Protein backbone atom coordinates (compact mmCIF):
# COMPACT_ATOMS: atom_id res chain seq x y z
CA MET A 1 125.43 97.68 87.14
CA LYS A 2 128.66 96.45 85.56
CA ASN A 3 130.01 95.37 88.95
CA LEU A 4 126.78 93.54 89.71
CA LYS A 5 126.85 91.71 86.38
CA ILE A 6 130.43 90.60 87.03
CA SER A 7 129.44 89.46 90.50
CA LEU A 8 126.49 87.51 89.15
CA SER A 9 128.72 85.80 86.61
CA ILE A 10 131.06 84.70 89.40
CA ILE A 11 128.12 83.44 91.42
CA VAL A 12 126.75 81.44 88.53
CA ALA A 13 130.16 79.91 87.82
CA ILE A 14 130.88 78.95 91.42
CA CYS A 15 127.51 78.36 93.02
CA LEU A 16 125.33 76.35 90.63
CA PHE A 17 123.81 73.43 92.35
CA ALA A 18 121.81 70.44 91.57
CA ILE A 19 118.64 70.89 93.52
CA GLY A 20 118.06 74.59 93.24
CA PHE A 21 119.02 75.69 96.76
CA THR A 22 122.09 77.93 96.75
CA GLY A 23 124.89 76.74 98.98
CA CYS A 24 128.24 78.33 98.24
CA SER A 25 130.53 76.88 100.87
CA THR A 26 133.75 78.47 99.58
CA GLN A 27 132.89 81.93 100.94
CA LYS A 28 134.35 83.16 104.23
CA THR A 29 131.68 83.37 106.93
CA ILE A 30 130.59 86.87 107.95
CA ASP A 31 129.79 87.15 111.65
CA SER A 32 126.94 89.63 111.35
CA MET A 33 125.25 92.20 109.17
CA VAL A 34 122.79 94.97 110.01
CA ILE A 35 120.17 95.83 107.40
CA GLY A 36 118.44 99.19 107.73
CA THR A 37 114.86 99.67 106.59
CA THR A 38 111.98 102.11 106.89
CA MET A 39 109.46 99.33 106.33
CA ASP A 40 106.79 99.75 109.01
CA ILE A 41 107.01 96.45 110.91
CA GLN A 42 104.73 96.44 113.95
CA SER A 43 104.82 92.77 114.96
CA ILE A 44 105.78 89.27 113.84
CA SER A 45 102.17 88.45 113.03
CA ARG A 46 101.82 86.85 109.60
CA SER A 47 99.26 89.57 108.86
CA ASP A 48 101.90 92.28 109.28
CA TYR A 49 102.56 93.05 105.61
CA TYR A 50 106.20 94.06 105.84
CA TYR A 51 107.16 91.37 108.34
CA ASN A 52 105.57 88.82 106.02
CA VAL A 53 107.68 90.21 103.18
CA LEU A 54 110.85 90.18 105.30
CA SER A 55 110.23 86.58 106.34
CA GLY A 56 110.27 85.64 102.66
CA THR A 57 113.89 86.79 102.47
CA LEU A 58 115.06 84.94 105.58
CA THR A 59 112.88 82.38 107.34
CA HIS A 60 110.04 81.26 105.11
CA LEU A 61 110.00 79.50 101.75
CA ALA A 62 107.63 79.48 98.81
CA LEU A 63 107.23 76.49 96.51
CA VAL A 64 108.97 78.38 93.69
CA ARG A 65 110.80 81.67 93.17
CA LEU A 66 111.63 84.18 90.47
CA ASP A 67 115.30 84.53 89.50
CA GLU A 68 117.12 87.61 88.21
CA ASN A 69 115.65 87.03 84.74
CA ASN A 70 112.10 86.78 86.13
CA GLU A 71 112.09 83.07 85.33
CA ILE A 72 110.58 80.50 87.68
CA GLN A 73 112.98 78.30 89.65
CA PRO A 74 112.25 75.57 92.23
CA MET A 75 112.50 76.61 95.87
CA MET A 76 110.77 74.24 98.29
CA ALA A 77 109.72 71.87 95.56
CA GLU A 78 110.37 70.53 92.10
CA TYR A 79 107.35 70.90 89.84
CA SER A 80 105.71 69.53 86.73
CA THR A 81 102.46 70.16 84.90
CA ALA A 82 99.90 68.26 82.86
CA ASP A 83 96.63 68.93 81.03
CA ASN A 84 98.00 72.10 79.40
CA GLY A 85 98.60 73.71 82.76
CA LYS A 86 95.43 72.55 84.53
CA THR A 87 97.23 70.21 86.94
CA TRP A 88 100.45 71.16 88.73
CA THR A 89 102.42 68.64 90.79
CA PHE A 90 104.94 69.69 93.44
CA VAL A 91 107.42 67.35 95.12
CA LEU A 92 108.95 68.78 98.29
CA LYS A 93 112.70 68.53 98.58
CA ASP A 94 114.10 65.96 100.99
CA GLY A 95 115.00 67.02 104.50
CA LEU A 96 112.91 70.17 104.92
CA LYS A 97 112.18 70.81 108.61
CA TRP A 98 110.38 73.48 110.56
CA ASP A 99 112.49 75.36 113.08
CA ASP A 100 110.98 73.30 115.91
CA GLY A 101 112.19 70.07 114.28
CA GLU A 102 108.90 68.92 112.76
CA LYS A 103 109.04 67.64 109.17
CA VAL A 104 107.61 69.82 106.40
CA THR A 105 104.94 67.87 104.52
CA ALA A 106 102.47 68.24 101.69
CA GLU A 107 99.78 68.72 104.36
CA ASP A 108 101.48 71.99 105.32
CA VAL A 109 101.18 73.22 101.74
CA LYS A 110 97.50 72.27 101.49
CA PHE A 111 96.78 73.82 104.86
CA THR A 112 98.57 77.06 103.94
CA ILE A 113 96.54 77.55 100.77
CA GLU A 114 93.22 76.86 102.51
CA TYR A 115 94.02 78.74 105.72
CA LEU A 116 95.36 81.90 104.08
CA ASP A 117 92.41 81.91 101.72
CA LYS A 118 90.17 82.34 104.75
CA MET A 119 92.40 84.66 106.75
CA GLU A 120 93.69 86.89 103.96
CA ASN A 121 90.81 86.58 101.49
CA ALA A 122 93.45 85.51 98.97
CA GLY A 123 91.04 84.04 96.43
CA ARG A 124 93.23 81.08 95.45
CA MET A 125 90.56 78.51 96.28
CA ASP A 126 88.21 80.16 93.80
CA LYS A 127 90.56 79.05 91.02
CA LEU A 128 91.13 75.50 92.29
CA GLU A 129 89.06 72.44 91.56
CA ALA A 130 90.99 70.22 93.97
CA ILE A 131 94.09 69.95 96.15
CA ASN A 132 95.30 66.36 96.18
CA ILE A 133 97.79 64.97 98.69
CA VAL A 134 99.62 62.24 96.77
CA ASN A 135 102.02 61.36 99.60
CA ASP A 136 103.93 63.07 102.39
CA GLN A 137 106.09 65.03 99.95
CA THR A 138 103.85 65.34 96.90
CA ILE A 139 100.86 67.60 96.30
CA GLN A 140 98.77 68.29 93.21
CA LEU A 141 96.95 71.55 92.53
CA VAL A 142 94.14 71.02 90.03
CA TYR A 143 92.78 74.26 88.62
CA LYS A 144 89.27 74.73 87.28
CA THR A 145 90.74 75.83 83.97
CA ALA A 146 94.24 75.62 82.50
CA ASN A 147 96.53 78.08 84.26
CA ILE A 148 99.86 78.54 82.52
CA ARG A 149 100.82 81.26 85.01
CA ALA A 150 100.01 79.33 88.18
CA LEU A 151 103.64 79.36 89.27
CA ASN A 152 103.86 83.16 89.21
CA ASP A 153 101.03 83.30 91.71
CA LEU A 154 102.88 80.92 94.05
CA THR A 155 106.19 82.78 94.29
CA THR A 156 105.14 84.65 97.44
CA LEU A 157 102.84 82.03 98.95
CA ARG A 158 105.05 81.46 101.98
CA ILE A 159 104.27 78.05 103.45
CA ILE A 160 103.44 77.97 107.17
CA PRO A 161 103.37 75.01 109.60
CA LYS A 162 99.98 73.38 110.01
CA HIS A 163 100.77 72.13 113.52
CA ILE A 164 101.31 75.72 114.66
CA PHE A 165 98.47 77.53 112.90
CA GLU A 166 95.64 74.99 112.69
CA ASN A 167 94.23 76.15 116.04
CA VAL A 168 94.94 79.85 115.50
CA THR A 169 91.65 81.66 114.93
CA ASP A 170 92.96 85.18 115.60
CA TYR A 171 95.37 85.33 112.67
CA ALA A 172 96.22 89.02 113.02
CA GLY A 173 96.55 88.77 116.80
CA PHE A 174 98.87 85.75 116.81
CA LYS A 175 102.20 87.40 117.68
CA ASP A 176 103.81 84.64 119.71
CA ASP A 177 107.35 83.62 118.71
CA ALA A 178 105.79 80.48 117.22
CA ALA A 179 104.24 82.69 114.53
CA ALA A 180 107.76 83.18 113.15
CA ILE A 181 108.61 79.48 112.79
CA GLY A 182 109.73 78.78 109.23
CA CYS A 183 111.91 76.32 107.34
CA GLY A 184 114.35 78.67 105.62
CA PRO A 185 118.08 79.44 105.98
CA TYR A 186 117.52 81.67 109.02
CA LYS A 187 115.64 81.32 112.30
CA PHE A 188 113.82 84.14 114.03
CA VAL A 189 115.48 85.05 117.36
CA ARG A 190 113.75 88.16 118.69
CA PHE A 191 111.87 91.36 117.92
CA ASP A 192 112.67 94.26 120.25
CA ALA A 193 109.95 96.72 119.28
CA ASP A 194 111.29 99.45 121.58
CA ALA A 195 114.77 99.27 120.07
CA GLY A 196 113.38 98.66 116.59
CA VAL A 197 115.51 95.56 115.98
CA LEU A 198 114.71 92.12 114.60
CA GLU A 199 117.36 89.42 114.97
CA PHE A 200 117.79 86.26 112.91
CA GLU A 201 120.42 83.52 113.18
CA ALA A 202 121.64 80.99 110.62
CA ASN A 203 119.66 77.75 110.64
CA PRO A 204 122.14 74.86 111.11
CA ASP A 205 119.55 72.31 109.94
CA TYR A 206 118.62 74.00 106.66
CA ILE A 207 118.97 71.60 103.74
CA GLY A 208 120.79 74.20 101.64
CA GLY A 209 123.61 74.39 104.17
CA LYS A 210 124.70 77.26 106.38
CA PRO A 211 124.46 80.73 104.84
CA ASN A 212 127.49 83.02 104.69
CA ILE A 213 126.29 85.38 107.43
CA LYS A 214 125.86 84.00 110.95
CA THR A 215 123.54 86.69 112.32
CA ILE A 216 121.35 89.22 110.54
CA ASN A 217 119.87 92.15 112.43
CA VAL A 218 117.21 94.31 110.81
CA LYS A 219 117.16 97.85 112.19
CA LEU A 220 113.93 99.82 111.79
CA PHE A 221 114.24 103.54 111.03
CA LYS A 222 111.54 106.19 111.17
CA ASN A 223 112.94 108.14 108.22
CA THR A 224 115.39 107.69 105.38
CA ASP A 225 117.66 110.60 106.37
CA THR A 226 118.62 108.93 109.64
CA MET A 227 119.02 105.59 107.89
CA TYR A 228 121.32 107.02 105.22
CA MET A 229 123.44 108.67 107.93
CA ALA A 230 123.76 105.28 109.63
CA LEU A 231 124.84 103.71 106.34
CA LYS A 232 127.51 106.35 105.77
CA ALA A 233 128.72 105.91 109.36
CA GLU A 234 128.92 102.13 108.80
CA GLU A 235 126.44 101.48 111.61
CA ILE A 236 124.47 99.40 109.12
CA GLY A 237 125.71 97.37 106.17
CA MET A 238 122.93 98.05 103.69
CA VAL A 239 119.48 99.58 103.30
CA TYR A 240 116.41 97.81 101.99
CA PHE A 241 112.79 98.48 101.19
CA TYR A 242 110.69 95.84 99.47
CA ALA A 243 110.05 96.52 95.77
CA GLY A 244 111.96 99.77 95.93
CA GLY A 245 115.34 101.34 96.36
CA ILE A 246 116.85 104.45 97.85
CA ASP A 247 115.39 107.87 97.19
CA PRO A 248 117.08 108.88 93.89
CA SER A 249 117.64 112.37 95.28
CA ALA A 250 119.98 110.84 97.89
CA ALA A 251 122.08 108.91 95.35
CA ALA A 252 124.74 111.55 94.72
CA ASP A 253 125.35 112.15 98.42
CA LEU A 254 125.62 108.42 99.19
CA LYS A 255 127.90 107.82 96.22
CA SER A 256 130.23 110.63 97.30
CA SER A 257 130.76 109.10 100.74
CA GLY A 258 133.42 106.77 99.34
CA ASN A 259 132.32 103.69 101.29
CA ILE A 260 128.95 102.97 99.68
CA THR A 261 128.18 101.05 96.50
CA LEU A 262 125.03 101.79 94.51
CA THR A 263 123.68 99.04 92.28
CA GLU A 264 120.91 99.35 89.72
CA VAL A 265 118.23 96.66 89.70
CA GLN A 266 115.96 96.41 86.68
CA ASP A 267 112.49 97.42 87.83
CA THR A 268 109.65 95.50 86.21
CA SER A 269 107.20 97.27 88.52
CA ASN A 270 105.52 100.63 88.17
CA PRO A 271 107.48 102.71 90.69
CA LEU A 272 105.09 105.67 90.84
CA VAL A 273 101.45 105.39 89.86
CA LEU A 274 98.37 107.59 90.04
CA ILE A 275 95.53 105.09 90.42
CA PHE A 276 91.94 106.11 89.89
CA ASN A 277 89.02 104.48 91.67
CA ASN A 278 87.16 104.16 88.40
CA GLU A 279 83.80 103.98 90.19
CA LYS A 280 84.14 107.34 91.95
CA THR A 281 83.26 110.84 90.74
CA PRO A 282 84.89 112.64 88.96
CA VAL A 283 87.33 109.97 87.73
CA ASN A 284 84.52 107.65 86.63
CA SER A 285 84.42 109.98 83.62
CA LEU A 286 86.71 109.00 80.74
CA PRO A 287 87.24 112.61 79.56
CA VAL A 288 88.35 113.61 83.08
CA ARG A 289 90.87 110.75 83.21
CA GLN A 290 92.12 111.58 79.73
CA ALA A 291 92.50 115.26 80.64
CA ILE A 292 94.40 114.42 83.82
CA ALA A 293 96.77 112.24 81.79
CA LYS A 294 97.52 115.17 79.50
CA GLY A 295 97.82 117.66 82.36
CA ILE A 296 100.81 116.08 84.12
CA ASP A 297 104.38 117.30 83.64
CA TYR A 298 106.08 113.91 83.31
CA GLU A 299 109.52 115.34 82.61
CA LYS A 300 109.43 117.35 85.83
CA CYS A 301 108.18 114.27 87.67
CA ARG A 302 111.15 112.23 86.43
CA GLU A 303 113.54 115.07 87.22
CA LEU A 304 112.29 115.40 90.80
CA PHE A 305 111.51 111.82 91.74
CA GLY A 306 113.12 109.42 89.28
CA SER A 307 116.70 108.23 89.07
CA GLU A 308 119.09 109.27 86.31
CA TYR A 309 118.08 106.03 84.56
CA SER A 310 114.33 106.72 84.52
CA ILE A 311 112.50 106.75 81.18
CA PRO A 312 109.13 108.09 79.97
CA SER A 313 106.13 105.84 80.47
CA ASN A 314 103.34 104.98 78.04
CA TYR A 315 99.56 104.96 78.10
CA GLY A 316 99.73 101.16 77.96
CA PHE A 317 100.90 101.21 81.60
CA ILE A 318 102.96 97.97 81.53
CA PRO A 319 106.75 98.62 81.69
CA LYS A 320 108.90 97.58 78.75
CA SER A 321 110.73 94.81 80.61
CA ASN A 322 107.54 92.79 81.18
CA GLU A 323 106.33 89.72 79.30
CA GLY A 324 103.83 90.68 76.58
CA TYR A 325 104.77 94.39 76.44
CA ILE A 326 103.59 96.35 73.38
CA ASP A 327 104.37 99.91 72.34
CA THR A 328 101.64 102.46 72.99
CA ALA A 329 101.66 106.26 72.89
CA ALA A 330 104.04 107.99 75.29
CA LEU A 331 102.56 110.08 78.10
CA LYS A 332 103.31 113.78 77.52
CA LEU A 333 102.26 117.11 78.97
CA ASP A 334 99.65 118.72 76.70
CA ILE A 335 97.81 121.50 78.52
CA ASP A 336 95.89 122.70 75.48
CA GLY A 337 94.81 119.14 74.69
CA ALA A 338 93.66 118.62 78.28
CA LYS A 339 91.65 121.84 78.27
CA LYS A 340 89.97 120.91 74.98
CA ILE A 341 88.94 117.48 76.30
CA LEU A 342 87.35 119.08 79.36
CA SER A 343 85.68 121.79 77.31
CA ASP A 344 84.23 119.20 74.93
CA ALA A 345 82.91 117.35 78.00
CA GLY A 346 80.98 120.46 79.04
CA ALA A 347 83.30 121.70 81.78
CA ILE A 348 83.09 125.45 82.47
CA ASP A 349 84.42 127.91 85.04
CA SER A 350 81.20 129.70 85.94
CA ASN A 351 82.55 131.79 88.82
CA GLY A 352 86.02 132.60 87.52
CA ASP A 353 87.88 130.89 90.38
CA GLY A 354 90.01 128.87 87.98
CA ILE A 355 88.35 125.55 88.85
CA LEU A 356 86.09 124.00 86.24
CA GLU A 357 82.67 122.56 86.95
CA ILE A 358 80.77 119.79 85.20
CA ASN A 359 77.00 119.99 85.62
CA GLY A 360 77.56 122.53 88.38
CA THR A 361 79.95 120.35 90.40
CA PRO A 362 83.54 121.59 90.82
CA LEU A 363 86.25 119.30 89.47
CA ASP A 364 87.81 118.34 92.79
CA LEU A 365 90.23 115.40 92.74
CA GLU A 366 91.10 113.85 96.09
CA ILE A 367 94.45 112.02 96.03
CA LEU A 368 95.21 109.68 98.93
CA VAL A 369 98.84 109.50 100.09
CA ARG A 370 100.65 107.56 102.83
CA THR A 371 102.26 109.34 105.76
CA ASP A 372 105.15 106.84 105.84
CA LYS A 373 106.16 107.86 102.31
CA PRO A 374 106.83 111.63 102.35
CA VAL A 375 107.79 111.48 98.68
CA TYR A 376 104.15 110.79 97.77
CA ALA A 377 103.08 114.07 99.36
CA ARG A 378 105.72 115.84 97.28
CA VAL A 379 104.45 114.12 94.13
CA GLY A 380 100.94 115.13 95.13
CA GLU A 381 102.03 118.75 95.40
CA LEU A 382 103.45 118.61 91.88
CA LEU A 383 100.18 117.15 90.57
CA GLN A 384 98.30 119.83 92.49
CA SER A 385 100.23 122.50 90.63
CA ASN A 386 100.02 120.71 87.25
CA LEU A 387 96.30 120.05 87.31
CA LYS A 388 95.37 123.49 88.59
CA ALA A 389 96.62 124.75 85.22
CA ILE A 390 93.84 122.79 83.47
CA GLY A 391 91.12 123.69 85.98
CA ILE A 392 91.20 120.68 88.32
CA ASN A 393 91.50 121.21 92.08
CA VAL A 394 93.65 118.54 93.76
CA ILE A 395 92.98 117.81 97.43
CA LEU A 396 95.70 115.78 99.17
CA ASN A 397 94.56 113.41 101.91
CA SER A 398 97.45 112.03 104.00
CA VAL A 399 96.67 108.92 106.09
CA ASP A 400 98.65 106.27 107.95
CA VAL A 401 99.41 102.91 106.35
CA PRO A 402 96.58 100.86 107.96
CA THR A 403 94.02 103.50 106.95
CA PHE A 404 95.49 103.74 103.47
CA ARG A 405 95.34 99.97 102.96
CA SER A 406 91.81 99.75 104.35
CA MET A 407 90.50 102.58 102.19
CA THR A 408 92.12 101.36 98.98
CA GLU A 409 92.09 97.56 99.31
CA THR A 410 88.87 96.69 101.13
CA GLU A 411 86.56 99.67 101.60
CA HIS A 412 87.41 101.36 98.26
CA THR A 413 86.37 104.74 99.60
CA ASP A 414 89.24 106.67 97.99
CA VAL A 415 88.88 108.64 94.76
CA SER A 416 92.48 108.26 93.66
CA MET A 417 95.79 107.35 95.24
CA LEU A 418 99.54 107.56 94.74
CA SER A 419 101.48 104.35 95.18
CA ARG A 420 103.69 101.86 93.39
CA PHE A 421 102.64 98.61 91.75
CA THR A 422 105.15 95.92 92.69
CA SER A 423 106.46 93.44 90.16
CA PHE A 424 104.88 90.58 92.08
CA GLY A 425 101.55 92.35 92.40
CA MET A 426 101.50 93.16 88.69
CA ASN A 427 102.10 89.49 87.89
CA MET A 428 99.59 88.05 90.34
CA GLY A 429 96.52 86.24 89.07
CA ALA A 430 96.01 87.05 85.41
CA GLY A 431 99.02 89.40 85.40
CA MET A 432 99.19 92.71 83.53
CA SER A 433 98.41 94.59 86.77
CA THR A 434 94.89 93.15 86.77
CA SER A 435 95.08 92.21 90.46
CA TYR A 436 95.32 95.93 91.20
CA LEU A 437 92.63 97.02 88.77
CA ASP A 438 89.96 94.32 88.30
CA GLY A 439 87.02 95.41 90.46
CA ARG A 440 85.62 91.87 90.66
CA LEU A 441 88.40 90.73 92.99
CA LYS A 442 87.79 90.32 96.71
CA SER A 443 90.91 92.18 97.85
CA ASN A 444 93.29 94.79 96.42
CA ALA A 445 91.52 95.83 93.16
CA GLN A 446 92.40 99.45 93.90
CA GLY A 447 91.39 100.56 90.41
CA GLN A 448 87.84 99.19 90.75
CA ILE A 449 87.33 98.68 87.00
CA MET A 450 83.85 97.18 86.56
CA ASP A 451 83.74 97.53 82.78
CA PRO A 452 82.56 94.25 81.16
CA ALA A 453 84.99 94.84 78.29
CA PHE A 454 87.90 94.80 80.73
CA ALA A 455 86.51 91.76 82.55
CA SER A 456 86.41 89.92 79.22
CA ILE A 457 90.10 90.69 78.60
CA VAL A 458 91.06 89.54 82.10
CA ASP A 459 89.17 86.30 81.53
CA LYS A 460 91.12 85.78 78.29
CA LEU A 461 94.38 86.24 80.19
CA LYS A 462 93.26 83.66 82.74
CA ALA A 463 92.05 81.19 80.11
CA ALA A 464 95.20 81.28 77.95
CA THR A 465 96.67 77.80 77.48
CA THR A 466 99.71 78.94 75.47
CA MET A 467 101.98 81.96 75.74
CA ALA A 468 100.85 83.04 72.28
CA GLU A 469 97.28 83.21 73.54
CA TYR A 470 98.42 85.04 76.65
CA ASP A 471 100.46 87.59 74.69
CA GLN A 472 97.46 88.33 72.46
CA ALA A 473 95.30 88.97 75.52
CA ALA A 474 98.12 91.05 77.03
CA LYS A 475 98.11 93.18 73.88
CA GLU A 476 94.36 93.75 74.23
CA CYS A 477 94.83 94.61 77.90
CA GLN A 478 97.43 97.29 77.18
CA GLU A 479 95.30 98.71 74.38
CA TYR A 480 92.44 98.92 76.88
CA TYR A 481 94.64 100.77 79.37
CA ALA A 482 95.78 103.16 76.64
CA GLY A 483 92.21 103.96 75.64
CA SER A 484 90.54 103.97 79.05
CA VAL A 485 93.33 105.43 81.25
CA PRO A 486 92.29 103.66 84.49
CA ALA A 487 95.68 104.48 86.03
CA ILE A 488 98.76 106.46 85.05
CA ALA A 489 102.38 105.32 85.34
CA LEU A 490 104.25 108.58 85.97
CA TYR A 491 107.57 107.13 84.76
CA TRP A 492 109.51 103.87 84.53
CA ASP A 493 112.82 103.33 86.25
CA VAL A 494 115.42 101.05 87.75
CA TYR A 495 115.73 101.05 91.51
CA LEU A 496 118.98 101.73 93.30
CA GLN A 497 120.22 99.48 96.10
CA ALA A 498 122.83 100.87 98.50
CA TYR A 499 125.25 98.89 100.63
CA ASN A 500 128.67 99.18 102.27
CA SER A 501 131.40 98.66 99.69
CA LYS A 502 133.07 95.97 101.79
CA TYR A 503 130.31 93.59 100.68
CA ASP A 504 130.14 91.98 97.26
CA ASN A 505 128.49 89.20 95.25
CA PHE A 506 124.82 89.89 95.86
CA THR A 507 122.29 87.85 93.89
CA ILE A 508 119.23 89.43 92.32
CA ASP A 509 115.80 87.91 92.87
CA GLY A 510 112.83 88.83 90.70
CA THR A 511 110.59 89.33 93.74
CA PHE A 512 112.81 90.78 96.47
CA GLY A 513 115.75 92.47 94.70
CA ILE A 514 119.17 91.90 96.30
CA VAL A 515 117.87 90.95 99.76
CA ASN A 516 116.80 87.37 99.22
CA GLN A 517 117.63 83.83 100.26
CA GLN A 518 120.10 83.29 97.42
CA THR A 519 122.14 86.34 98.45
CA TRP A 520 122.93 84.80 101.84
CA TYR A 521 124.90 82.09 100.03
CA SER A 522 126.62 84.27 97.44
CA ILE A 523 127.51 87.36 99.48
CA SER A 524 131.14 87.89 100.45
CA GLN A 525 133.14 90.43 102.43
CA LYS A 526 136.25 91.97 100.92
């Protein structure tokens, strides 16, 4: 981390610039870099989750971005607000062009918000009273109520060209090269699905100037072991996975190779979470959720799956580095306490098989895990062992990513799931992880909390017109999490980024980590 801090200081000293785009022209140009990833990219469709994420680091811009301190900075536009955060005005920066030469206009921004609301069920239009085009470069977003956190919700709204998408009705099926047209520092060149390679080239017309790397290739790997071998063999320059780092268990081996640098990035997300569908039996029962929380061996979980920098998590769920954090009780293994809670709830083992029943129904807990993340199955096995000790039978259900997302984000047919809550996702909408947990939302809402008391707190977060009001509502939200246990953060951590030691001067972004559009102007090769 010390090396990264020194690098960031150098970047700040050399690369500050007036309009917010980073353009460090003193660096020697690097011909090419290969980035390895296990992100499951199937196509260049905007509906492909991981390609959409990747585009935000290379080809596509949002109106604003989060910096390394999680503070909002201009990206495509300068911004101002009025009416206590009810009206937000954005002025696009001069000279922005789409890759096909067309000018980027305020109409593109308006179109993107409206179009993605229909195609992705994003829910932004529900919050807006009006979208006003002031002129070609100026747009106003007028919210129904004051929204002091509007900018946070716009950091990953990647603007798309109206003239390309206005006639596209099959959003998911649109995989033509035109789907990849952006206005960022890189242009999409090709996606060779058979070879598992995406290629991007520096955009000579980008208003921030030419980035320091001419060509970036993204190599797709099926598993991390093969990817780490490629990194050690210098076949790739770095590894990347959105909102995450390398497997902590691989850190020592990578560090010992002698040609790899590991950098810690402060993680404001929840890296490993057990999320309950609070509408499903048996986890719609508060005593069952409370008992599960006491039945988990958190120290063993950190030892097996966290980095050396991981720390215990709290019942309040929100990591310490987040705005509005309050101290709540630490999560600890307490088998006797868990058994007492279940006993008081009427749970008994009538047939002596070690599994408790409530009202004659065995306490079976299905946990959904993703097949592309083998670590989740390993976590599930630990929970299986832990919870058996308190009389709960854990059933692991491994599914592919599309099935996982469908079951947890739209159908809500899962009982519980293992995943991570990204920093961006936790800050979306009202923040405080409510986009993942508020059952009233049209999409995501994995926690399916329908409790009116929680809805009232979320509404307070949304209605806050000052940060003092927001922090008070955030306090109530964390107290609710601590009392209701709708989800469990298994630990808090940093995440480790790994790259070839010949590279230096990465920039940290609050959304993407060290792979972001600022890095392409700060990075250097020794």
